[in-house]
């Protein structure tokens, strides 16, 4: 059993879960609460990834098990996400990197993979000198298959704070200076998670309960 975390590239968009491989919701202008959709925009999404990587750098991570994708996270400066300007809580700050999407396949949810993917994104950003991360959160996700947002509870557990309140989708913020030194190998953490082997199997508690910055007591 081999689990790996790989960069999001145009060549790998077919590995993304659900509607994600052809959804360009964040990359298109709009307003209101975000909803994932099958827009048939795979080519546009691939071009967007190439553009972001050329102008700014890596913009996502995908987790795999034996070559099978388990989930992914996507992030970039707000200027690359026109849709963020129309969010009900208001646009992100220009100095922040926006984590737009984090999706995990339904049969491996609630086993700690979301935390591993988020930490992979944060560690990448820390290594590149970024200082601040923001993410829109869902106060309640009624349809997990069509929402790109992480929950408020999940982000609060990872150290985020509410930057701009909203009853449905507040903007959350994390200062990365407290995460500047990590010793964990995230692929080793991913290997340690007890993920279910098939759809519908009960998800056991993960072996690894937290990923902490060096010296943290949280």
N, C-alpha and C. Protein backbone atom coordinates (compact mmCIF):
# COMPACT_ATOMS: atom_id res chain seq x y z
N UNK A 1 0.85 -1.19 0.00
CA UNK A 1 0.00 0.00 0.00
C UNK A 1 0.89 1.24 0.00
N UNK A 2 0.77 2.07 -1.07
CA UNK A 2 1.59 3.28 -1.17
C UNK A 2 0.68 4.49 -1.28
N UNK A 3 0.85 5.41 -0.37
CA UNK A 3 0.09 6.65 -0.40
C UNK A 3 1.05 7.80 -0.63
N UNK A 4 0.68 8.69 -1.52
CA UNK A 4 1.55 9.78 -1.91
C UNK A 4 0.76 11.07 -2.05
N UNK A 5 1.44 12.20 -1.87
CA UNK A 5 0.86 13.51 -2.12
C UNK A 5 1.61 14.11 -3.30
N UNK A 6 0.87 14.50 -4.34
CA UNK A 6 1.47 15.02 -5.56
C UNK A 6 0.92 16.39 -5.89
N UNK A 7 1.68 17.16 -6.65
CA UNK A 7 1.25 18.49 -7.05
C UNK A 7 0.07 18.41 -8.02
N UNK A 8 -0.83 19.38 -7.94
CA UNK A 8 -1.92 19.52 -8.90
C UNK A 8 -1.35 20.08 -10.19
N UNK A 9 -1.48 19.34 -11.28
CA UNK A 9 -1.02 19.77 -12.60
C UNK A 9 -2.15 19.59 -13.60
N UNK A 10 -2.00 20.22 -14.77
CA UNK A 10 -3.01 20.09 -15.81
C UNK A 10 -3.18 18.64 -16.23
N UNK A 11 -2.08 17.88 -16.21
CA UNK A 11 -2.14 16.49 -16.62
C UNK A 11 -2.90 15.61 -15.62
N UNK A 12 -3.08 16.09 -14.40
CA UNK A 12 -3.72 15.29 -13.36
C UNK A 12 -5.16 15.70 -13.06
N UNK A 13 -5.74 16.63 -13.81
CA UNK A 13 -7.08 17.09 -13.43
C UNK A 13 -8.12 15.98 -13.58
N UNK A 14 -7.85 14.98 -14.43
CA UNK A 14 -8.77 13.87 -14.54
C UNK A 14 -8.84 13.02 -13.29
N UNK A 15 -7.88 13.21 -12.38
CA UNK A 15 -7.85 12.46 -11.12
C UNK A 15 -8.70 13.12 -10.03
N UNK A 16 -9.21 14.32 -10.28
CA UNK A 16 -9.92 15.03 -9.23
C UNK A 16 -11.29 14.41 -8.98
N UNK A 17 -11.77 14.48 -7.73
CA UNK A 17 -13.02 13.79 -7.38
C UNK A 17 -14.26 14.50 -7.93
N UNK A 18 -15.31 13.72 -8.13
CA UNK A 18 -16.63 14.25 -8.45
C UNK A 18 -16.66 15.18 -9.63
N UNK A 19 -17.24 16.36 -9.41
CA UNK A 19 -17.40 17.36 -10.46
C UNK A 19 -16.14 18.19 -10.69
N UNK A 20 -15.12 17.98 -9.88
CA UNK A 20 -14.02 18.93 -9.81
C UNK A 20 -13.19 19.04 -11.09
N UNK A 21 -13.06 17.95 -11.84
CA UNK A 21 -12.18 17.97 -13.01
C UNK A 21 -12.68 18.88 -14.12
N UNK A 22 -13.97 19.20 -14.11
CA UNK A 22 -14.50 20.07 -15.16
C UNK A 22 -15.26 21.26 -14.59
N UNK A 23 -15.00 21.59 -13.35
CA UNK A 23 -15.66 22.73 -12.70
C UNK A 23 -14.71 23.92 -12.65
N UNK A 24 -15.17 25.05 -13.18
CA UNK A 24 -14.36 26.27 -13.16
C UNK A 24 -15.12 27.37 -12.42
N UNK A 25 -15.86 26.98 -11.37
CA UNK A 25 -16.67 27.93 -10.64
C UNK A 25 -15.83 29.06 -10.06
N UNK A 26 -14.73 28.72 -9.37
CA UNK A 26 -13.90 29.75 -8.74
C UNK A 26 -13.17 30.60 -9.78
N UNK A 27 -12.89 30.01 -10.93
CA UNK A 27 -12.11 30.70 -11.95
C UNK A 27 -12.95 31.61 -12.84
N UNK A 28 -14.27 31.66 -12.60
CA UNK A 28 -15.18 32.48 -13.39
C UNK A 28 -15.87 33.51 -12.50
N UNK A 29 -16.19 34.70 -13.02
CA UNK A 29 -16.92 35.69 -12.22
C UNK A 29 -18.29 35.18 -11.82
N UNK A 30 -18.80 35.68 -10.69
CA UNK A 30 -20.12 35.29 -10.23
C UNK A 30 -20.38 35.84 -8.85
N UNK A 31 -21.55 35.56 -8.31
CA UNK A 31 -21.92 36.06 -6.99
C UNK A 31 -22.79 35.03 -6.30
N UNK A 32 -22.89 35.16 -4.97
CA UNK A 32 -23.70 34.24 -4.18
C UNK A 32 -22.90 33.08 -3.64
N UNK A 33 -23.58 32.16 -2.95
CA UNK A 33 -22.91 31.03 -2.34
C UNK A 33 -22.34 30.10 -3.42
N UNK A 34 -21.13 29.59 -3.23
CA UNK A 34 -20.50 28.75 -4.26
C UNK A 34 -21.11 27.36 -4.32
N UNK A 35 -21.31 26.86 -5.55
CA UNK A 35 -21.84 25.53 -5.77
C UNK A 35 -21.03 24.88 -6.88
N UNK A 36 -20.53 23.69 -6.62
CA UNK A 36 -19.77 22.96 -7.64
C UNK A 36 -20.71 22.54 -8.76
N UNK A 37 -20.21 22.59 -10.00
CA UNK A 37 -21.05 22.22 -11.12
C UNK A 37 -20.21 21.57 -12.22
N UNK A 38 -20.86 20.74 -13.02
CA UNK A 38 -20.19 20.12 -14.15
C UNK A 38 -20.30 21.08 -15.32
N UNK A 39 -19.35 22.00 -15.44
CA UNK A 39 -19.44 23.05 -16.45
C UNK A 39 -18.80 22.66 -17.77
N UNK A 40 -18.17 21.49 -17.83
CA UNK A 40 -17.51 21.09 -19.06
C UNK A 40 -16.31 21.94 -19.39
N UNK A 41 -15.70 22.52 -18.37
CA UNK A 41 -14.61 23.46 -18.58
C UNK A 41 -13.25 22.85 -18.29
N UNK A 42 -13.07 21.58 -18.61
CA UNK A 42 -11.81 20.91 -18.30
C UNK A 42 -10.63 21.59 -18.98
N UNK A 43 -10.77 21.96 -20.24
CA UNK A 43 -9.67 22.61 -20.94
C UNK A 43 -9.34 23.96 -20.33
N UNK A 44 -10.39 24.72 -19.96
CA UNK A 44 -10.17 26.02 -19.33
C UNK A 44 -9.49 25.86 -17.96
N UNK A 45 -9.91 24.83 -17.22
CA UNK A 45 -9.31 24.57 -15.92
C UNK A 45 -7.84 24.20 -16.08
N UNK A 46 -7.54 23.35 -17.05
CA UNK A 46 -6.15 22.97 -17.30
C UNK A 46 -5.30 24.19 -17.66
N UNK A 47 -5.85 25.07 -18.49
CA UNK A 47 -5.13 26.28 -18.87
C UNK A 47 -4.92 27.18 -17.66
N UNK A 48 -5.93 27.21 -16.78
CA UNK A 48 -5.81 28.02 -15.55
C UNK A 48 -4.67 27.50 -14.68
N UNK A 49 -4.58 26.19 -14.51
CA UNK A 49 -3.51 25.61 -13.69
C UNK A 49 -2.14 25.97 -14.28
N UNK A 50 -2.00 25.82 -15.59
CA UNK A 50 -0.72 26.16 -16.23
C UNK A 50 -0.38 27.63 -16.03
N UNK A 51 -1.39 28.49 -16.12
CA UNK A 51 -1.18 29.93 -15.97
C UNK A 51 -0.74 30.27 -14.54
N UNK A 52 -1.41 29.69 -13.55
CA UNK A 52 -1.06 29.97 -12.16
C UNK A 52 0.35 29.45 -11.85
N UNK A 53 0.66 28.25 -12.31
CA UNK A 53 1.98 27.68 -12.05
C UNK A 53 3.08 28.52 -12.70
N UNK A 54 2.79 29.09 -13.87
CA UNK A 54 3.79 29.91 -14.57
C UNK A 54 3.98 31.26 -13.89
N UNK A 55 2.88 31.85 -13.41
CA UNK A 55 2.94 33.19 -12.82
C UNK A 55 3.29 33.20 -11.34
N UNK A 56 2.85 32.14 -10.62
CA UNK A 56 2.96 32.18 -9.16
C UNK A 56 3.61 30.94 -8.57
N UNK A 57 3.24 29.76 -9.05
CA UNK A 57 3.80 28.52 -8.51
C UNK A 57 2.75 27.45 -8.33
N UNK A 58 3.10 26.37 -7.59
CA UNK A 58 2.18 25.26 -7.35
C UNK A 58 0.88 25.76 -6.74
N UNK A 59 -0.25 25.18 -7.19
CA UNK A 59 -1.55 25.70 -6.74
C UNK A 59 -2.45 24.60 -6.21
N UNK A 60 -1.89 23.44 -5.85
CA UNK A 60 -2.73 22.40 -5.28
C UNK A 60 -1.96 21.13 -5.00
N UNK A 61 -2.61 20.22 -4.29
CA UNK A 61 -2.05 18.93 -3.95
C UNK A 61 -3.14 17.86 -4.10
N UNK A 62 -2.74 16.65 -4.56
CA UNK A 62 -3.64 15.52 -4.68
C UNK A 62 -3.07 14.37 -3.86
N UNK A 63 -3.91 13.70 -3.09
CA UNK A 63 -3.49 12.52 -2.32
C UNK A 63 -3.90 11.27 -3.09
N UNK A 64 -2.95 10.30 -3.18
CA UNK A 64 -3.19 9.05 -3.89
C UNK A 64 -2.92 7.85 -2.99
N UNK A 65 -3.60 6.75 -3.29
CA UNK A 65 -3.27 5.46 -2.71
C UNK A 65 -3.13 4.46 -3.85
N UNK A 66 -1.92 3.93 -4.02
CA UNK A 66 -1.65 3.01 -5.13
C UNK A 66 -2.13 3.57 -6.47
N UNK A 67 -1.90 4.85 -6.67
CA UNK A 67 -2.27 5.49 -7.91
C UNK A 67 -3.71 5.95 -8.00
N UNK A 68 -4.53 5.60 -7.02
CA UNK A 68 -5.94 5.99 -7.01
C UNK A 68 -6.10 7.28 -6.21
N UNK A 69 -6.67 8.35 -6.79
CA UNK A 69 -6.81 9.61 -6.07
C UNK A 69 -7.83 9.51 -4.94
N UNK A 70 -7.48 10.11 -3.80
CA UNK A 70 -8.35 10.10 -2.63
C UNK A 70 -8.98 11.46 -2.36
N UNK A 71 -8.32 12.54 -2.76
CA UNK A 71 -8.83 13.87 -2.52
C UNK A 71 -7.82 14.91 -2.96
N UNK A 72 -8.23 16.18 -2.93
CA UNK A 72 -7.31 17.23 -3.36
C UNK A 72 -7.63 18.55 -2.68
N UNK A 73 -6.67 19.47 -2.75
CA UNK A 73 -6.84 20.82 -2.24
C UNK A 73 -6.30 21.78 -3.30
N UNK A 74 -6.97 22.91 -3.47
CA UNK A 74 -6.59 23.90 -4.49
C UNK A 74 -6.45 25.28 -3.84
N UNK A 75 -5.39 26.01 -4.20
CA UNK A 75 -5.14 27.31 -3.58
C UNK A 75 -4.34 28.21 -4.52
N UNK A 76 -4.49 29.52 -4.34
CA UNK A 76 -3.77 30.51 -5.14
C UNK A 76 -4.10 31.89 -4.58
N UNK A 77 -3.37 32.92 -4.98
CA UNK A 77 -3.75 34.28 -4.59
C UNK A 77 -5.14 34.63 -5.12
N UNK A 78 -5.87 35.50 -4.44
CA UNK A 78 -7.25 35.81 -4.83
C UNK A 78 -7.40 36.30 -6.27
N UNK A 79 -6.38 36.93 -6.83
CA UNK A 79 -6.52 37.45 -8.19
C UNK A 79 -6.77 36.34 -9.21
N UNK A 80 -6.44 35.10 -8.87
CA UNK A 80 -6.67 33.99 -9.78
C UNK A 80 -8.05 33.37 -9.60
N UNK A 81 -8.84 33.87 -8.65
CA UNK A 81 -10.18 33.34 -8.39
C UNK A 81 -11.21 34.47 -8.51
N UNK A 82 -11.61 34.84 -9.72
CA UNK A 82 -12.57 35.94 -9.89
C UNK A 82 -13.86 35.75 -9.09
N UNK A 83 -14.26 34.50 -8.91
CA UNK A 83 -15.51 34.22 -8.19
C UNK A 83 -15.47 34.71 -6.74
N UNK A 84 -14.27 34.77 -6.15
CA UNK A 84 -14.16 35.18 -4.75
C UNK A 84 -14.62 36.62 -4.54
N UNK A 85 -14.55 37.46 -5.58
CA UNK A 85 -14.97 38.85 -5.44
C UNK A 85 -16.46 38.97 -5.20
N UNK A 86 -17.23 37.94 -5.56
CA UNK A 86 -18.67 37.98 -5.39
C UNK A 86 -19.18 37.21 -4.19
N UNK A 87 -18.28 36.78 -3.30
CA UNK A 87 -18.72 36.03 -2.13
C UNK A 87 -19.48 36.92 -1.16
N UNK A 88 -20.53 36.40 -0.52
CA UNK A 88 -21.35 37.22 0.39
C UNK A 88 -20.57 37.87 1.53
N UNK A 89 -19.51 37.23 2.01
CA UNK A 89 -18.71 37.80 3.10
C UNK A 89 -17.74 38.87 2.62
N UNK A 90 -17.67 39.07 1.32
CA UNK A 90 -16.74 40.04 0.77
C UNK A 90 -15.50 39.36 0.23
N UNK A 91 -14.68 40.07 -0.53
CA UNK A 91 -13.50 39.46 -1.16
C UNK A 91 -12.40 39.18 -0.15
N UNK A 92 -11.50 38.25 -0.48
CA UNK A 92 -10.35 37.99 0.40
C UNK A 92 -9.39 39.18 0.38
N UNK A 93 -8.49 39.20 1.36
CA UNK A 93 -7.46 40.23 1.38
C UNK A 93 -6.42 39.93 0.31
N UNK A 94 -5.90 40.99 -0.29
CA UNK A 94 -4.92 40.82 -1.36
C UNK A 94 -3.62 40.17 -0.88
N UNK A 95 -3.32 40.30 0.42
CA UNK A 95 -2.05 39.77 0.94
C UNK A 95 -2.13 38.28 1.28
N UNK A 96 -3.30 37.69 1.12
CA UNK A 96 -3.51 36.30 1.53
C UNK A 96 -3.52 35.36 0.33
N UNK A 97 -3.23 34.09 0.59
CA UNK A 97 -3.47 33.03 -0.37
C UNK A 97 -4.82 32.40 -0.02
N UNK A 98 -5.66 32.20 -1.01
CA UNK A 98 -6.99 31.65 -0.77
C UNK A 98 -7.01 30.15 -1.02
N UNK A 99 -7.43 29.39 -0.01
CA UNK A 99 -7.68 27.96 -0.21
C UNK A 99 -9.13 27.84 -0.67
N UNK A 100 -9.29 27.59 -1.96
CA UNK A 100 -10.61 27.64 -2.57
C UNK A 100 -11.39 26.35 -2.38
N UNK A 101 -10.74 25.21 -2.54
CA UNK A 101 -11.42 23.92 -2.49
C UNK A 101 -10.61 22.90 -1.70
N UNK A 102 -11.30 22.06 -0.96
CA UNK A 102 -10.70 20.86 -0.38
C UNK A 102 -11.77 19.80 -0.43
N UNK A 103 -11.52 18.76 -1.23
CA UNK A 103 -12.50 17.70 -1.41
C UNK A 103 -11.85 16.35 -1.14
N UNK A 104 -12.58 15.46 -0.47
CA UNK A 104 -12.12 14.11 -0.18
C UNK A 104 -13.19 13.15 -0.67
N UNK A 105 -12.77 12.02 -1.27
CA UNK A 105 -13.73 11.04 -1.76
C UNK A 105 -14.62 10.56 -0.61
N UNK A 106 -15.92 10.37 -0.86
CA UNK A 106 -16.87 10.03 0.21
C UNK A 106 -16.48 8.83 1.06
N UNK A 107 -15.86 7.79 0.46
CA UNK A 107 -15.58 6.58 1.23
C UNK A 107 -14.35 6.69 2.10
N UNK A 108 -13.62 7.82 2.04
CA UNK A 108 -12.47 7.99 2.94
C UNK A 108 -12.60 9.25 3.79
N UNK A 109 -13.81 9.77 3.89
CA UNK A 109 -14.02 10.95 4.72
C UNK A 109 -14.00 10.57 6.20
N UNK A 110 -13.75 11.58 7.03
CA UNK A 110 -13.78 11.43 8.48
C UNK A 110 -12.69 10.52 9.01
N UNK A 111 -11.60 10.36 8.24
CA UNK A 111 -10.48 9.54 8.69
C UNK A 111 -9.21 10.35 8.86
N UNK A 112 -9.28 11.67 8.68
CA UNK A 112 -8.11 12.52 8.86
C UNK A 112 -7.43 12.98 7.59
N UNK A 113 -7.93 12.53 6.42
CA UNK A 113 -7.28 12.89 5.17
C UNK A 113 -7.42 14.37 4.86
N UNK A 114 -8.55 14.97 5.21
CA UNK A 114 -8.73 16.40 4.97
C UNK A 114 -7.67 17.22 5.68
N UNK A 115 -7.36 16.83 6.92
CA UNK A 115 -6.33 17.53 7.68
C UNK A 115 -4.96 17.38 7.02
N UNK A 116 -4.66 16.18 6.52
CA UNK A 116 -3.37 15.96 5.85
C UNK A 116 -3.25 16.83 4.61
N UNK A 117 -4.31 16.90 3.81
CA UNK A 117 -4.28 17.72 2.61
C UNK A 117 -4.13 19.20 2.94
N UNK A 118 -4.87 19.67 3.95
CA UNK A 118 -4.74 21.07 4.34
C UNK A 118 -3.32 21.36 4.82
N UNK A 119 -2.76 20.48 5.63
CA UNK A 119 -1.41 20.70 6.12
C UNK A 119 -0.38 20.64 4.99
N UNK A 120 -0.62 19.81 3.98
CA UNK A 120 0.28 19.78 2.82
C UNK A 120 0.27 21.12 2.11
N UNK A 121 -0.91 21.71 1.98
CA UNK A 121 -1.00 23.03 1.35
C UNK A 121 -0.30 24.09 2.19
N UNK A 122 -0.54 24.07 3.51
CA UNK A 122 0.05 25.07 4.38
C UNK A 122 1.57 24.95 4.41
N UNK A 123 2.08 23.74 4.44
CA UNK A 123 3.53 23.57 4.47
C UNK A 123 4.16 24.06 3.18
N UNK A 124 3.50 23.81 2.04
CA UNK A 124 3.99 24.34 0.78
C UNK A 124 4.06 25.85 0.81
N UNK A 125 3.02 26.48 1.34
CA UNK A 125 2.98 27.95 1.38
C UNK A 125 4.01 28.52 2.34
N UNK A 126 4.20 27.87 3.48
CA UNK A 126 5.23 28.31 4.42
C UNK A 126 6.61 28.25 3.76
N UNK A 127 6.88 27.17 3.04
CA UNK A 127 8.19 27.00 2.41
C UNK A 127 8.45 28.05 1.34
N UNK A 128 7.39 28.65 0.81
CA UNK A 128 7.53 29.65 -0.24
C UNK A 128 7.46 31.07 0.31
N UNK A 129 7.40 31.20 1.63
CA UNK A 129 7.45 32.52 2.25
C UNK A 129 6.12 33.22 2.37
N UNK A 130 5.01 32.53 2.08
CA UNK A 130 3.70 33.15 2.27
C UNK A 130 3.41 33.32 3.76
N UNK A 131 2.67 34.35 4.10
CA UNK A 131 2.44 34.67 5.51
C UNK A 131 1.01 34.47 5.98
N UNK A 132 0.06 34.52 5.06
CA UNK A 132 -1.34 34.49 5.46
C UNK A 132 -2.15 33.63 4.51
N UNK A 133 -3.07 32.87 5.07
CA UNK A 133 -3.98 32.04 4.29
C UNK A 133 -5.41 32.37 4.69
N UNK A 134 -6.29 32.41 3.72
CA UNK A 134 -7.71 32.60 3.99
C UNK A 134 -8.52 31.51 3.30
N UNK A 135 -9.72 31.29 3.79
CA UNK A 135 -10.62 30.30 3.19
C UNK A 135 -12.05 30.66 3.59
N UNK A 136 -12.96 30.55 2.64
CA UNK A 136 -14.37 30.67 2.98
C UNK A 136 -14.83 29.35 3.59
N UNK A 137 -15.63 29.46 4.63
CA UNK A 137 -16.09 28.25 5.32
C UNK A 137 -17.60 28.16 5.25
N UNK A 138 -18.10 26.96 5.38
CA UNK A 138 -19.54 26.73 5.40
C UNK A 138 -19.98 26.51 6.84
N UNK A 139 -20.96 27.27 7.30
CA UNK A 139 -21.48 27.06 8.65
C UNK A 139 -22.22 25.74 8.74
N UNK A 140 -22.78 25.29 7.60
CA UNK A 140 -23.46 23.99 7.55
C UNK A 140 -23.44 23.51 6.11
N UNK A 141 -22.86 22.33 5.86
CA UNK A 141 -22.78 21.79 4.51
C UNK A 141 -23.89 20.76 4.34
N UNK A 142 -24.99 21.18 3.72
CA UNK A 142 -26.12 20.26 3.52
C UNK A 142 -25.82 19.27 2.40
N UNK A 143 -25.11 19.72 1.38
CA UNK A 143 -24.79 18.86 0.23
C UNK A 143 -23.28 18.86 0.05
N UNK A 144 -22.59 17.88 0.62
CA UNK A 144 -21.13 17.84 0.60
C UNK A 144 -20.58 17.57 -0.79
N UNK A 145 -21.43 17.04 -1.68
CA UNK A 145 -20.96 16.75 -3.03
C UNK A 145 -20.92 18.00 -3.90
N UNK A 146 -21.64 19.03 -3.52
CA UNK A 146 -21.74 20.23 -4.37
C UNK A 146 -21.19 21.48 -3.71
N UNK A 147 -20.58 21.33 -2.55
CA UNK A 147 -19.97 22.48 -1.89
C UNK A 147 -18.46 22.33 -1.89
N UNK A 148 -17.73 23.38 -2.33
CA UNK A 148 -16.27 23.33 -2.30
C UNK A 148 -15.68 23.75 -0.96
N UNK A 149 -16.54 24.14 -0.01
CA UNK A 149 -16.08 24.76 1.22
C UNK A 149 -15.85 23.75 2.34
N UNK A 150 -14.81 24.02 3.13
CA UNK A 150 -14.61 23.31 4.38
C UNK A 150 -15.56 23.88 5.42
N UNK A 151 -15.79 23.16 6.50
CA UNK A 151 -16.70 23.66 7.52
C UNK A 151 -15.98 24.61 8.47
N UNK A 152 -16.77 25.47 9.10
CA UNK A 152 -16.22 26.39 10.09
C UNK A 152 -15.53 25.61 11.21
N UNK A 153 -16.18 24.55 11.69
CA UNK A 153 -15.63 23.75 12.79
C UNK A 153 -14.27 23.17 12.41
N UNK A 154 -14.16 22.62 11.19
CA UNK A 154 -12.90 22.03 10.75
C UNK A 154 -11.78 23.07 10.73
N UNK A 155 -12.05 24.25 10.17
CA UNK A 155 -11.01 25.27 10.07
C UNK A 155 -10.64 25.84 11.44
N UNK A 156 -11.60 25.97 12.33
CA UNK A 156 -11.28 26.42 13.68
C UNK A 156 -10.34 25.44 14.37
N UNK A 157 -10.56 24.15 14.16
CA UNK A 157 -9.68 23.14 14.76
C UNK A 157 -8.27 23.21 14.20
N UNK A 158 -8.11 23.74 13.00
CA UNK A 158 -6.78 23.84 12.41
C UNK A 158 -6.11 25.18 12.72
N UNK A 159 -6.72 26.00 13.55
CA UNK A 159 -6.10 27.25 13.97
C UNK A 159 -6.59 28.49 13.26
N UNK A 160 -7.54 28.36 12.34
CA UNK A 160 -8.09 29.53 11.65
C UNK A 160 -8.97 30.33 12.60
N UNK A 161 -9.10 31.61 12.30
CA UNK A 161 -10.00 32.49 13.03
C UNK A 161 -10.94 33.17 12.05
N UNK A 162 -12.07 33.65 12.54
CA UNK A 162 -13.03 34.33 11.67
C UNK A 162 -12.49 35.73 11.37
N UNK A 163 -12.26 35.99 10.09
CA UNK A 163 -11.76 37.30 9.67
C UNK A 163 -12.91 38.23 9.28
N UNK A 164 -13.95 37.65 8.68
CA UNK A 164 -15.10 38.44 8.26
C UNK A 164 -16.35 37.60 8.46
N UNK A 165 -17.16 37.91 9.47
CA UNK A 165 -18.31 37.07 9.79
C UNK A 165 -19.36 37.07 8.68
N UNK A 166 -20.06 35.95 8.58
CA UNK A 166 -21.22 35.82 7.70
C UNK A 166 -22.00 34.62 8.22
N UNK A 167 -23.34 34.68 8.24
CA UNK A 167 -24.12 33.58 8.83
C UNK A 167 -24.01 32.26 8.07
N UNK A 168 -23.65 32.30 6.79
CA UNK A 168 -23.59 31.08 5.99
C UNK A 168 -22.17 30.71 5.59
N UNK A 169 -21.40 31.69 5.12
CA UNK A 169 -20.04 31.39 4.63
C UNK A 169 -19.05 32.48 5.05
N UNK A 170 -18.64 32.49 6.31
CA UNK A 170 -17.67 33.49 6.77
C UNK A 170 -16.30 33.28 6.13
N UNK A 171 -15.52 34.34 6.13
CA UNK A 171 -14.14 34.26 5.65
C UNK A 171 -13.24 33.99 6.85
N UNK A 172 -12.45 32.91 6.77
CA UNK A 172 -11.55 32.50 7.84
C UNK A 172 -10.12 32.85 7.48
N UNK A 173 -9.25 33.04 8.50
CA UNK A 173 -7.89 33.50 8.25
C UNK A 173 -6.91 32.81 9.20
N UNK A 174 -5.74 32.48 8.68
CA UNK A 174 -4.68 31.86 9.47
C UNK A 174 -3.37 32.54 9.17
N UNK A 175 -2.68 32.99 10.22
CA UNK A 175 -1.34 33.56 10.07
C UNK A 175 -0.33 32.41 10.11
N UNK A 176 0.50 32.31 9.08
CA UNK A 176 1.39 31.17 8.95
C UNK A 176 2.67 31.28 9.77
N UNK A 177 2.92 32.40 10.41
CA UNK A 177 4.16 32.55 11.16
C UNK A 177 4.27 31.55 12.30
N UNK A 178 3.13 31.07 12.80
CA UNK A 178 3.16 30.09 13.90
C UNK A 178 3.45 28.68 13.38
N UNK A 179 3.47 28.51 12.06
CA UNK A 179 3.67 27.18 11.48
C UNK A 179 4.99 27.09 10.72
N UNK A 180 5.95 27.90 11.08
CA UNK A 180 7.16 28.04 10.28
C UNK A 180 8.09 26.84 10.36
N UNK A 181 7.95 25.98 11.35
CA UNK A 181 8.88 24.86 11.49
C UNK A 181 8.12 23.57 11.78
N UNK A 182 8.15 22.64 10.83
CA UNK A 182 7.50 21.35 10.98
C UNK A 182 8.52 20.24 10.82
N UNK A 183 8.33 19.17 11.54
CA UNK A 183 9.24 18.03 11.40
C UNK A 183 8.53 16.82 10.80
N UNK A 184 7.18 16.84 10.73
CA UNK A 184 6.45 15.69 10.23
C UNK A 184 6.66 15.48 8.74
N UNK A 185 6.76 14.25 8.35
CA UNK A 185 6.72 13.86 6.94
C UNK A 185 5.26 13.57 6.63
N UNK A 186 4.62 14.43 5.83
CA UNK A 186 3.18 14.30 5.62
C UNK A 186 2.82 13.02 4.89
N UNK A 187 3.70 12.52 4.04
CA UNK A 187 3.39 11.25 3.38
C UNK A 187 3.43 10.10 4.38
N UNK A 188 4.30 10.20 5.39
CA UNK A 188 4.30 9.18 6.45
C UNK A 188 3.01 9.27 7.26
N UNK A 189 2.53 10.49 7.51
CA UNK A 189 1.26 10.66 8.21
C UNK A 189 0.13 10.07 7.38
N UNK A 190 0.15 10.32 6.08
CA UNK A 190 -0.87 9.77 5.20
C UNK A 190 -0.86 8.24 5.22
N UNK A 191 0.33 7.66 5.21
CA UNK A 191 0.45 6.20 5.28
C UNK A 191 -0.13 5.65 6.59
N UNK A 192 -0.02 6.43 7.67
CA UNK A 192 -0.46 5.96 8.98
C UNK A 192 -1.96 6.01 9.17
N UNK A 193 -2.67 6.75 8.33
CA UNK A 193 -4.11 6.84 8.48
C UNK A 193 -4.77 5.51 8.14
N UNK A 194 -5.73 5.11 8.97
CA UNK A 194 -6.49 3.89 8.70
C UNK A 194 -7.70 4.26 7.85
N UNK A 195 -7.51 4.25 6.54
CA UNK A 195 -8.59 4.59 5.63
C UNK A 195 -9.39 3.34 5.28
N UNK A 196 -10.71 3.49 5.07
CA UNK A 196 -11.54 2.33 4.72
C UNK A 196 -11.13 1.76 3.37
N UNK A 197 -11.30 0.50 3.20
CA UNK A 197 -10.85 -0.17 1.99
C UNK A 197 -11.91 -0.18 0.88
N UNK A 198 -13.15 0.14 1.19
CA UNK A 198 -14.17 0.14 0.15
C UNK A 198 -15.30 1.06 0.58
N UNK A 199 -16.09 1.48 -0.40
CA UNK A 199 -17.22 2.36 -0.12
C UNK A 199 -18.17 1.68 0.85
N UNK A 200 -18.58 2.42 1.87
CA UNK A 200 -19.54 1.90 2.83
C UNK A 200 -18.93 1.25 4.04
N UNK A 201 -17.62 1.00 4.03
CA UNK A 201 -16.97 0.40 5.19
C UNK A 201 -16.85 1.42 6.31
N UNK A 202 -17.02 1.00 7.52
CA UNK A 202 -16.90 1.91 8.66
C UNK A 202 -15.51 2.52 8.71
N UNK A 203 -15.45 3.81 8.98
CA UNK A 203 -14.17 4.50 9.06
C UNK A 203 -13.64 4.44 10.48
N UNK A 204 -12.54 3.74 10.73
CA UNK A 204 -11.97 3.70 12.07
C UNK A 204 -11.27 5.01 12.40
N UNK A 205 -11.02 5.23 13.68
CA UNK A 205 -10.30 6.43 14.09
C UNK A 205 -8.89 6.40 13.54
N UNK A 206 -8.39 7.55 13.02
CA UNK A 206 -7.04 7.56 12.48
C UNK A 206 -6.00 7.32 13.55
N UNK A 207 -4.90 6.71 13.15
CA UNK A 207 -3.79 6.48 14.07
C UNK A 207 -3.15 7.79 14.48
N UNK A 208 -3.15 8.74 13.56
CA UNK A 208 -2.51 10.02 13.84
C UNK A 208 -3.60 11.04 14.07
N UNK A 209 -3.64 11.61 15.26
CA UNK A 209 -4.72 12.52 15.62
C UNK A 209 -4.41 13.98 15.36
N UNK A 210 -3.16 14.32 15.16
CA UNK A 210 -2.83 15.71 14.94
C UNK A 210 -1.50 15.83 14.24
N UNK A 211 -1.33 16.99 13.59
CA UNK A 211 -0.07 17.35 12.96
C UNK A 211 0.30 18.70 13.54
N UNK A 212 1.36 18.79 14.26
CA UNK A 212 1.67 20.00 15.00
C UNK A 212 2.96 20.64 14.51
N UNK A 213 3.02 22.01 14.54
CA UNK A 213 4.30 22.66 14.31
C UNK A 213 5.28 22.26 15.42
N UNK A 214 6.55 22.31 15.10
CA UNK A 214 7.57 21.99 16.08
C UNK A 214 7.44 22.90 17.30
N UNK A 215 7.43 22.27 18.46
CA UNK A 215 7.34 23.05 19.69
C UNK A 215 5.94 23.38 20.14
N UNK A 216 4.94 23.01 19.31
CA UNK A 216 3.56 23.34 19.68
C UNK A 216 3.04 22.35 20.70
N UNK A 217 2.21 22.82 21.62
CA UNK A 217 1.59 21.96 22.61
C UNK A 217 0.13 21.72 22.31
N UNK A 218 -0.38 22.27 21.16
CA UNK A 218 -1.78 22.14 20.83
C UNK A 218 -2.06 20.82 20.14
